[in-house]
Amino acid sequence: MAQVGLQLYTVREAMENDFEGTLRKVAELGYQGVEFAGFYGRSAEQVTSILNETGLIVLGAHTPYTNLCDQLEEEIAFNLAIGNRFLICPYLTEEDRNRWNEVIEDLKVIGKRCSEAGLVLCYHNHEFELTQLLGDKTVLDTIYDEVPSSLLQVELDSCWVSYAGYDPLQYIAKYSDRLPILHLKDMVTKEDGSPETVELGKGEIAIKAIADAAVAAGVEWLVVEQDYCAQDPLESIKVSMDWIKGYAKQGGNLNV
């Protein structure tokens, strides 16, 4: 049964202003886990303390690619100390997207060291890994073909897959044997063709079908993420949790 978490980038301003208070509110709304996007100067002991107080599980940490390359031992030590299992490469700059073969080799090295330390490296996609090709394959497929599952697992952002013009259900099925975390995100396409993220159930993404497929595939965590919110992000994550609870009541196999 999948659990439900929140990518804390969604509430980044609140986290910066009141780290502990924001985590308390996230827990009160019913989220079981959190995926960090920075620790805002807190020590591992301070993070562990608020996790213990709220009962929140640390399900992962988005860790900049440069940190994974240049500060990996420090990142490993910190995440082990807070009880985190998944280190996640969240984004690559345009400059790095011009050197995919080197990035792939880096991911192999990083993944091997994470595995040795008892952690799991994941890769989180945007749309560009699907709109860019290496040879006759998408960059995303090339990454997972070149880096074995023992060194790299999938954190699929289903919304960006859809926005790139691909079927998230096919990607869930394709990588179901290495897909512990899935980002559940909704969006609308504006008149100029650009995306705007919205609360779950407010957009055009087939989030119910995606959630169904993810749960059936054995995904451990469905992670709510909203890159930008038109209202108070804490209200936005409440609206999305209300959708999650409604989905669960209708038979969705979620632990909420």
C-alpha atoms as a PDB file:
ATOM      1  CA  MET A   1       0.000   0.000   0.000  1.00  0.00           C
ATOM      2  CA  ALA A   2       1.473   3.335  -1.055  1.00  0.00           C
ATOM      3  CA  GLN A   3       2.053   6.144   1.388  1.00  0.00           C
ATOM      4  CA  VAL A   4       1.584   9.843   0.673  1.00  0.00           C
ATOM      5  CA  GLY A   5       4.287  12.439   1.034  1.00  0.00           C
ATOM      6  CA  LEU A   6       4.957  16.067   0.189  1.00  0.00           C
ATOM      7  CA  GLN A   7       7.858  17.550  -1.732  1.00  0.00           C
ATOM      8  CA  LEU A   8       8.729  20.451   0.533  1.00  0.00           C
ATOM      9  CA  TYR A   9       9.808  22.651  -2.377  1.00  0.00           C
ATOM     10  CA  THR A  10       6.081  23.342  -2.639  1.00  0.00           C
ATOM     11  CA  VAL A  11       6.189  25.226   0.676  1.00  0.00           C
ATOM     12  CA  ARG A  12       9.750  26.528   0.393  1.00  0.00           C
ATOM     13  CA  GLU A  13       9.007  30.081   1.576  1.00  0.00           C
ATOM     14  CA  ALA A  14       7.164  28.791   4.628  1.00  0.00           C
ATOM     15  CA  MET A  15      10.036  26.394   5.324  1.00  0.00           C
ATOM     16  CA  GLU A  16      12.530  29.237   5.183  1.00  0.00           C
ATOM     17  CA  ASN A  17      10.451  31.400   7.516  1.00  0.00           C
ATOM     18  CA  ASP A  18       9.385  28.670   9.974  1.00  0.00           C
ATOM     19  CA  PHE A  19      10.993  25.306   9.314  1.00  0.00           C
ATOM     20  CA  GLU A  20       9.615  23.468  12.340  1.00  0.00           C
ATOM     21  CA  GLY A  21       6.176  25.095  12.278  1.00  0.00           C
ATOM     22  CA  THR A  22       5.708  24.288   8.613  1.00  0.00           C
ATOM     23  CA  LEU A  23       6.542  20.627   9.171  1.00  0.00           C
ATOM     24  CA  ARG A  24       4.017  20.536  12.003  1.00  0.00           C
ATOM     25  CA  LYS A  25       1.324  21.884   9.643  1.00  0.00           C
ATOM     26  CA  VAL A  26       2.259  19.363   6.948  1.00  0.00           C
ATOM     27  CA  ALA A  27       1.831  16.544   9.466  1.00  0.00           C
ATOM     28  CA  GLU A  28      -1.483  17.962  10.705  1.00  0.00           C
ATOM     29  CA  LEU A  29      -2.839  17.890   7.144  1.00  0.00           C
ATOM     30  CA  GLY A  30      -2.253  14.143   6.994  1.00  0.00           C
ATOM     31  CA  TYR A  31       0.939  13.794   4.984  1.00  0.00           C
ATOM     32  CA  GLN A  32       2.900  10.801   6.195  1.00  0.00           C
ATOM     33  CA  GLY A  33       6.265  11.681   4.769  1.00  0.00           C
ATOM     34  CA  VAL A  34       8.298  14.570   3.461  1.00  0.00           C
ATOM     35  CA  GLU A  35      10.843  14.908   0.704  1.00  0.00           C
ATOM     36  CA  PHE A  36      13.314  17.625   1.559  1.00  0.00           C
ATOM     37  CA  ALA A  37      14.613  20.242  -0.859  1.00  0.00           C
ATOM     38  CA  GLY A  38      17.199  21.744   1.459  1.00  0.00           C
ATOM     39  CA  PHE A  39      17.508  21.839   5.235  1.00  0.00           C
ATOM     40  CA  TYR A  40      17.663  25.616   5.813  1.00  0.00           C
ATOM     41  CA  GLY A  41      20.691  25.529   8.070  1.00  0.00           C
ATOM     42  CA  ARG A  42      19.321  22.899  10.444  1.00  0.00           C
ATOM     43  CA  SER A  43      21.630  20.259  11.832  1.00  0.00           C
ATOM     44  CA  ALA A  44      20.892  16.572  11.459  1.00  0.00           C
ATOM     45  CA  GLU A  45      19.954  16.512  15.142  1.00  0.00           C
ATOM     46  CA  GLN A  46      17.458  19.357  14.688  1.00  0.00           C
ATOM     47  CA  VAL A  47      15.882  17.704  11.642  1.00  0.00           C
ATOM     48  CA  THR A  48      15.624  14.388  13.453  1.00  0.00           C
ATOM     49  CA  SER A  49      14.016  16.085  16.447  1.00  0.00           C
ATOM     50  CA  ILE A  50      11.178  17.654  14.450  1.00  0.00           C
ATOM     51  CA  LEU A  51      10.628  14.448  12.485  1.00  0.00           C
ATOM     52  CA  ASN A  52      10.315  12.523  15.736  1.00  0.00           C
ATOM     53  CA  GLU A  53       7.964  15.129  17.183  1.00  0.00           C
ATOM     54  CA  THR A  54       5.627  15.169  14.166  1.00  0.00           C
ATOM     55  CA  GLY A  55       5.874  11.502  13.221  1.00  0.00           C
ATOM     56  CA  LEU A  56       6.797  12.459   9.676  1.00  0.00           C
ATOM     57  CA  ILE A  57       8.957  10.024   7.729  1.00  0.00           C
ATOM     58  CA  VAL A  58      11.794  11.412   5.651  1.00  0.00           C
ATOM     59  CA  LEU A  59      11.089   9.727   2.331  1.00  0.00           C
ATOM     60  CA  GLY A  60      13.847  11.375   0.328  1.00  0.00           C
ATOM     61  CA  ALA A  61      15.986  14.438  -0.218  1.00  0.00           C
ATOM     62  CA  HIS A  62      16.420  16.362  -3.451  1.00  0.00           C
ATOM     63  CA  THR A  63      20.156  16.967  -3.511  1.00  0.00           C
ATOM     64  CA  PRO A  64      21.755  19.246  -6.124  1.00  0.00           C
ATOM     65  CA  TYR A  65      23.813  17.463  -8.750  1.00  0.00           C
ATOM     66  CA  THR A  66      26.840  19.600  -7.848  1.00  0.00           C
ATOM     67  CA  ASN A  67      26.561  18.462  -4.227  1.00  0.00           C
ATOM     68  CA  LEU A  68      26.312  14.850  -5.297  1.00  0.00           C
ATOM     69  CA  CYS A  69      29.483  15.283  -7.332  1.00  0.00           C
ATOM     70  CA  ASP A  70      31.506  17.472  -4.985  1.00  0.00           C
ATOM     71  CA  GLN A  71      30.163  16.880  -1.453  1.00  0.00           C
ATOM     72  CA  LEU A  72      28.877  13.335  -1.620  1.00  0.00           C
ATOM     73  CA  GLU A  73      30.395  12.087   1.633  1.00  0.00           C
ATOM     74  CA  GLU A  74      28.896  14.996   3.571  1.00  0.00           C
ATOM     75  CA  GLU A  75      25.499  14.416   1.975  1.00  0.00           C
ATOM     76  CA  ILE A  76      25.640  10.707   2.748  1.00  0.00           C
ATOM     77  CA  ALA A  77      26.559  11.324   6.382  1.00  0.00           C
ATOM     78  CA  PHE A  78      23.807  13.912   6.903  1.00  0.00           C
ATOM     79  CA  ASN A  79      21.099  11.782   5.298  1.00  0.00           C
ATOM     80  CA  LEU A  80      22.083   8.665   7.185  1.00  0.00           C
ATOM     81  CA  ALA A  81      21.901  10.692  10.383  1.00  0.00           C
ATOM     82  CA  ILE A  82      18.299  11.780   9.719  1.00  0.00           C
ATOM     83  CA  GLY A  83      17.184   8.324   8.631  1.00  0.00           C
ATOM     84  CA  ASN A  84      16.790   9.095   4.950  1.00  0.00           C
ATOM     85  CA  ARG A  85      17.142   6.281   2.448  1.00  0.00           C
ATOM     86  CA  PHE A  86      16.812   8.040  -0.917  1.00  0.00           C
ATOM     87  CA  LEU A  87      19.177  10.675  -2.320  1.00  0.00           C
ATOM     88  CA  ILE A  88      17.577  12.192  -5.398  1.00  0.00           C
ATOM     89  CA  CYS A  89      19.176  14.136  -8.238  1.00  0.00           C
ATOM     90  CA  PRO A  90      16.434  16.718  -8.866  1.00  0.00           C
ATOM     91  CA  TYR A  91      17.480  18.873 -11.814  1.00  0.00           C
ATOM     92  CA  LEU A  92      20.245  19.593 -14.277  1.00  0.00           C
ATOM     93  CA  THR A  93      21.260  22.999 -15.607  1.00  0.00           C
ATOM     94  CA  GLU A  94      21.267  23.757 -19.313  1.00  0.00           C
ATOM     95  CA  GLU A  95      25.056  23.551 -19.227  1.00  0.00           C
ATOM     96  CA  ASP A  96      24.938  20.030 -17.803  1.00  0.00           C
ATOM     97  CA  ARG A  97      22.377  19.033 -20.420  1.00  0.00           C
ATOM     98  CA  ASN A  98      25.090  19.538 -23.041  1.00  0.00           C
ATOM     99  CA  ARG A  99      27.227  16.791 -21.480  1.00  0.00           C
ATOM    100  CA  TRP A 100      24.856  13.892 -20.920  1.00  0.00           C
ATOM    101  CA  ASN A 101      27.474  11.180 -21.376  1.00  0.00           C
ATOM    102  CA  GLU A 102      29.558  12.663 -18.553  1.00  0.00           C
ATOM    103  CA  VAL A 103      26.470  13.042 -16.366  1.00  0.00           C
ATOM    104  CA  ILE A 104      25.593   9.392 -16.901  1.00  0.00           C
ATOM    105  CA  GLU A 105      29.098   8.332 -15.874  1.00  0.00           C
ATOM    106  CA  ASP A 106      28.816  10.549 -12.785  1.00  0.00           C
ATOM    107  CA  LEU A 107      25.505   8.907 -11.871  1.00  0.00           C
ATOM    108  CA  LYS A 108      27.169   5.488 -12.002  1.00  0.00           C
ATOM    109  CA  VAL A 109      29.910   6.604  -9.605  1.00  0.00           C
ATOM    110  CA  ILE A 110      27.496   8.388  -7.255  1.00  0.00           C
ATOM    111  CA  GLY A 111      25.067   5.473  -7.295  1.00  0.00           C
ATOM    112  CA  LYS A 112      27.815   2.999  -6.449  1.00  0.00           C
ATOM    113  CA  ARG A 113      28.988   5.046  -3.470  1.00  0.00           C
ATOM    114  CA  CYS A 114      25.407   5.503  -2.241  1.00  0.00           C
ATOM    115  CA  SER A 115      24.823   1.770  -2.472  1.00  0.00           C
ATOM    116  CA  GLU A 116      27.994   1.058  -0.506  1.00  0.00           C
ATOM    117  CA  ALA A 117      26.743   3.419   2.222  1.00  0.00           C
ATOM    118  CA  GLY A 118      23.292   1.844   2.359  1.00  0.00           C
ATOM    119  CA  LEU A 119      21.497   4.599   0.440  1.00  0.00           C
ATOM    120  CA  VAL A 120      19.656   4.596  -2.874  1.00  0.00           C
ATOM    121  CA  LEU A 121      20.274   7.140  -5.635  1.00  0.00           C
ATOM    122  CA  CYS A 122      17.247   8.235  -7.658  1.00  0.00           C
ATOM    123  CA  TYR A 123      16.808  10.538 -10.629  1.00  0.00           C
ATOM    124  CA  HIS A 124      13.897  12.989 -10.869  1.00  0.00           C
ATOM    125  CA  ASN A 125      12.882  14.036 -14.372  1.00  0.00           C
ATOM    126  CA  HIS A 126      11.497  17.163 -15.925  1.00  0.00           C
ATOM    127  CA  GLU A 127      10.287  17.393 -19.510  1.00  0.00           C
ATOM    128  CA  PHE A 128      13.697  18.005 -21.098  1.00  0.00           C
ATOM    129  CA  GLU A 129      14.907  14.436 -20.536  1.00  0.00           C
ATOM    130  CA  LEU A 130      12.046  13.377 -22.811  1.00  0.00           C
ATOM    131  CA  THR A 131      12.264  16.124 -25.422  1.00  0.00           C
ATOM    132  CA  GLN A 132      16.023  15.649 -25.838  1.00  0.00           C
ATOM    133  CA  LEU A 133      17.381  12.594 -27.612  1.00  0.00           C
ATOM    134  CA  LEU A 134      20.672  10.734 -27.417  1.00  0.00           C
ATOM    135  CA  GLY A 135      20.831   8.866 -30.666  1.00  0.00           C
ATOM    136  CA  ASP A 136      17.386   7.419 -31.275  1.00  0.00           C
ATOM    137  CA  LYS A 137      16.300   7.296 -27.623  1.00  0.00           C
ATOM    138  CA  THR A 138      15.134   9.887 -25.153  1.00  0.00           C
ATOM    139  CA  VAL A 139      17.698  11.031 -22.619  1.00  0.00           C
ATOM    140  CA  LEU A 140      15.553   9.576 -19.826  1.00  0.00           C
ATOM    141  CA  ASP A 141      15.512   6.113 -21.370  1.00  0.00           C
ATOM    142  CA  THR A 142      19.216   6.339 -22.126  1.00  0.00           C
ATOM    143  CA  ILE A 143      20.004   7.175 -18.492  1.00  0.00           C
ATOM    144  CA  TYR A 144      18.111   4.136 -17.234  1.00  0.00           C
ATOM    145  CA  ASP A 145      19.514   1.888 -19.956  1.00  0.00           C
ATOM    146  CA  GLU A 146      23.091   2.931 -19.179  1.00  0.00           C
ATOM    147  CA  VAL A 147      22.926   3.042 -15.372  1.00  0.00           C
ATOM    148  CA  PRO A 148      21.770  -0.273 -13.844  1.00  0.00           C
ATOM    149  CA  SER A 149      18.917  -0.385 -11.363  1.00  0.00           C
ATOM    150  CA  SER A 150      21.361  -1.469  -8.648  1.00  0.00           C
ATOM    151  CA  LEU A 151      22.933   1.995  -8.915  1.00  0.00           C
ATOM    152  CA  LEU A 152      19.989   4.198  -9.901  1.00  0.00           C
ATOM    153  CA  GLN A 153      16.272   4.059  -9.164  1.00  0.00           C
ATOM    154  CA  VAL A 154      13.462   6.092 -10.727  1.00  0.00           C
ATOM    155  CA  GLU A 155      11.598   8.998  -9.216  1.00  0.00           C
ATOM    156  CA  LEU A 156       9.105   9.610 -11.998  1.00  0.00           C
ATOM    157  CA  ASP A 157       7.496  13.034 -12.240  1.00  0.00           C
ATOM    158  CA  SER A 158       4.355  11.901 -14.022  1.00  0.00           C
ATOM    159  CA  CYS A 159       3.211  15.423 -14.796  1.00  0.00           C
ATOM    160  CA  TRP A 160       6.358  16.337 -16.724  1.00  0.00           C
ATOM    161  CA  VAL A 161       6.126  13.057 -18.618  1.00  0.00           C
ATOM    162  CA  SER A 162       2.626  14.027 -19.712  1.00  0.00           C
ATOM    163  CA  TYR A 163       3.635  17.595 -20.561  1.00  0.00           C
ATOM    164  CA  ALA A 164       6.460  16.276 -22.752  1.00  0.00           C
ATOM    165  CA  GLY A 165       3.876  14.378 -24.794  1.00  0.00           C
ATOM    166  CA  TYR A 166       4.397  10.877 -23.422  1.00  0.00           C
ATOM    167  CA  ASP A 167       2.070   8.523 -21.592  1.00  0.00           C
ATOM    168  CA  PRO A 168       2.869   8.370 -17.856  1.00  0.00           C
ATOM    169  CA  LEU A 169       1.109   5.017 -17.583  1.00  0.00           C
ATOM    170  CA  GLN A 170       3.506   3.507 -20.091  1.00  0.00           C
ATOM    171  CA  TYR A 171       6.484   4.890 -18.196  1.00  0.00           C
ATOM    172  CA  ILE A 172       5.136   3.573 -14.894  1.00  0.00           C
ATOM    173  CA  ALA A 173       4.793   0.134 -16.452  1.00  0.00           C
ATOM    174  CA  LYS A 174       8.201   0.323 -18.123  1.00  0.00           C
ATOM    175  CA  TYR A 175      10.079   1.132 -14.926  1.00  0.00           C
ATOM    176  CA  SER A 176       7.857  -0.542 -12.356  1.00  0.00           C
ATOM    177  CA  ASP A 177      10.732  -2.734 -11.154  1.00  0.00           C
ATOM    178  CA  ARG A 178      12.806   0.307 -10.156  1.00  0.00           C
ATOM    179  CA  LEU A 179      10.176   2.928  -9.250  1.00  0.00           C
ATOM    180  CA  PRO A 180       9.955   3.515  -5.485  1.00  0.00           C
ATOM    181  CA  ILE A 181       8.750   7.144  -5.679  1.00  0.00           C
ATOM    182  CA  LEU A 182       6.342   8.918  -8.011  1.00  0.00           C
ATOM    183  CA  HIS A 183       5.548  12.617  -8.082  1.00  0.00           C
ATOM    184  CA  LEU A 184       1.822  13.232  -8.391  1.00  0.00           C
ATOM    185  CA  LYS A 185       1.350  16.691  -9.837  1.00  0.00           C
ATOM    186  CA  ASP A 186      -1.378  18.465 -11.785  1.00  0.00           C
ATOM    187  CA  MET A 187      -1.102  21.328 -14.252  1.00  0.00           C
ATOM    188  CA  VAL A 188      -2.885  23.341 -16.885  1.00  0.00           C
ATOM    189  CA  THR A 189      -1.402  24.503 -20.169  1.00  0.00           C
ATOM    190  CA  LYS A 190      -1.663  28.246 -20.625  1.00  0.00           C
ATOM    191  CA  GLU A 191      -2.528  29.953 -23.916  1.00  0.00           C
ATOM    192  CA  ASP A 192       1.150  30.430 -24.723  1.00  0.00           C
ATOM    193  CA  GLY A 193       1.761  26.696 -24.254  1.00  0.00           C
ATOM    194  CA  SER A 194       3.614  27.051 -20.964  1.00  0.00           C
ATOM    195  CA  PRO A 195       2.652  24.899 -17.975  1.00  0.00           C
ATOM    196  CA  GLU A 196       1.148  26.123 -14.721  1.00  0.00           C
ATOM    197  CA  THR A 197       1.027  23.754 -11.790  1.00  0.00           C
ATOM    198  CA  VAL A 198      -2.247  23.584  -9.858  1.00  0.00           C
ATOM    199  CA  GLU A 199      -3.720  21.633  -6.954  1.00  0.00           C
ATOM    200  CA  LEU A 200      -4.557  17.976  -7.560  1.00  0.00           C
ATOM    201  CA  GLY A 201      -7.823  17.627  -9.420  1.00  0.00           C
ATOM    202  CA  LYS A 202      -7.758  21.198 -10.734  1.00  0.00           C
ATOM    203  CA  GLY A 203      -5.845  20.540 -13.938  1.00  0.00           C
ATOM    204  CA  GLU A 204      -5.662  18.450 -17.072  1.00  0.00           C
ATOM    205  CA  ILE A 205      -3.365  15.614 -15.968  1.00  0.00           C
ATOM    206  CA  ALA A 206      -4.963  12.172 -15.587  1.00  0.00           C
ATOM    207  CA  ILE A 207      -3.920  11.970 -11.951  1.00  0.00           C
ATOM    208  CA  LYS A 208      -6.434   9.291 -10.916  1.00  0.00           C
ATOM    209  CA  ALA A 209      -5.262   6.916 -13.638  1.00  0.00           C
ATOM    210  CA  ILE A 210      -1.651   7.716 -12.746  1.00  0.00           C
ATOM    211  CA  ALA A 211      -2.270   7.055  -9.054  1.00  0.00           C
ATOM    212  CA  ASP A 212      -4.048   3.786  -9.893  1.00  0.00           C
ATOM    213  CA  ALA A 213      -1.146   2.637 -12.064  1.00  0.00           C
ATOM    214  CA  ALA A 214       1.475   3.676  -9.528  1.00  0.00           C
ATOM    215  CA  VAL A 215      -0.216   1.846  -6.672  1.00  0.00           C
ATOM    216  CA  ALA A 216      -0.694  -1.250  -8.847  1.00  0.00           C
ATOM    217  CA  ALA A 217       3.014  -1.115  -9.762  1.00  0.00           C
ATOM    218  CA  GLY A 218       4.023  -1.184  -6.101  1.00  0.00           C
ATOM    219  CA  VAL A 219       5.270   2.386  -5.787  1.00  0.00           C
ATOM    220  CA  GLU A 220       6.185   3.056  -2.142  1.00  0.00           C
ATOM    221  CA  TRP A 221       5.468   6.791  -2.095  1.00  0.00           C
ATOM    222  CA  LEU A 222       3.124   9.076  -4.001  1.00  0.00           C
ATOM    223  CA  VAL A 223       4.569  12.545  -3.514  1.00  0.00           C
ATOM    224  CA  VAL A 224       2.476  15.671  -3.937  1.00  0.00           C
ATOM    225  CA  GLU A 225       4.346  18.545  -5.548  1.00  0.00           C
ATOM    226  CA  GLN A 226       3.224  21.914  -6.842  1.00  0.00           C
ATOM    227  CA  ASP A 227       6.039  23.996  -8.255  1.00  0.00           C
ATOM    228  CA  TYR A 228       4.178  27.306  -8.004  1.00  0.00           C
ATOM    229  CA  CYS A 229       0.950  28.094  -6.154  1.00  0.00           C
ATOM    230  CA  ALA A 230      -1.477  30.897  -6.977  1.00  0.00           C
ATOM    231  CA  GLN A 231      -2.601  30.956  -3.332  1.00  0.00           C
ATOM    232  CA  ASP A 232      -0.951  30.279   0.011  1.00  0.00           C
ATOM    233  CA  PRO A 233       1.026  27.060  -0.617  1.00  0.00           C
ATOM    234  CA  LEU A 234      -0.149  25.657   2.721  1.00  0.00           C
ATOM    235  CA  GLU A 235      -3.717  26.009   1.480  1.00  0.00           C
ATOM    236  CA  SER A 236      -2.747  24.440  -1.837  1.00  0.00           C
ATOM    237  CA  ILE A 237      -1.309  21.349  -0.152  1.00  0.00           C
ATOM    238  CA  LYS A 238      -4.502  21.067   1.916  1.00  0.00           C
ATOM    239  CA  VAL A 239      -6.585  21.072  -1.276  1.00  0.00           C
ATOM    240  CA  SER A 240      -4.350  18.387  -2.757  1.00  0.00           C
ATOM    241  CA  MET A 241      -4.586  16.294   0.404  1.00  0.00           C
ATOM    242  CA  ASP A 242      -8.378  16.605   0.247  1.00  0.00           C
ATOM    243  CA  TRP A 243      -8.203  15.137  -3.263  1.00  0.00           C
ATOM    244  CA  ILE A 244      -5.954  12.324  -1.974  1.00  0.00           C
ATOM    245  CA  LYS A 245      -8.402  11.511   0.812  1.00  0.00           C
ATOM    246  CA  GLY A 246     -11.300  11.504  -1.626  1.00  0.00           C
ATOM    247  CA  TYR A 247      -9.375   9.211  -3.930  1.00  0.00           C
ATOM    248  CA  ALA A 248      -8.668   6.824  -1.055  1.00  0.00           C
ATOM    249  CA  LYS A 249     -12.350   6.763  -0.049  1.00  0.00           C
ATOM    250  CA  GLN A 250     -13.263   5.803  -3.607  1.00  0.00           C
ATOM    251  CA  GLY A 251     -11.075   2.710  -3.377  1.00  0.00           C
ATOM    252  CA  GLY A 252      -7.605   4.068  -4.017  1.00  0.00           C
ATOM    253  CA  ASN A 253      -5.178   1.808  -2.199  1.00  0.00           C
ATOM    254  CA  LEU A 254      -3.406   4.504  -0.201  1.00  0.00           C
ATOM    255  CA  ASN A 255      -2.400   4.530   3.428  1.00  0.00           C
ATOM    256  CA  VAL A 256      -4.040   7.805   4.499  1.00  0.00           C
END
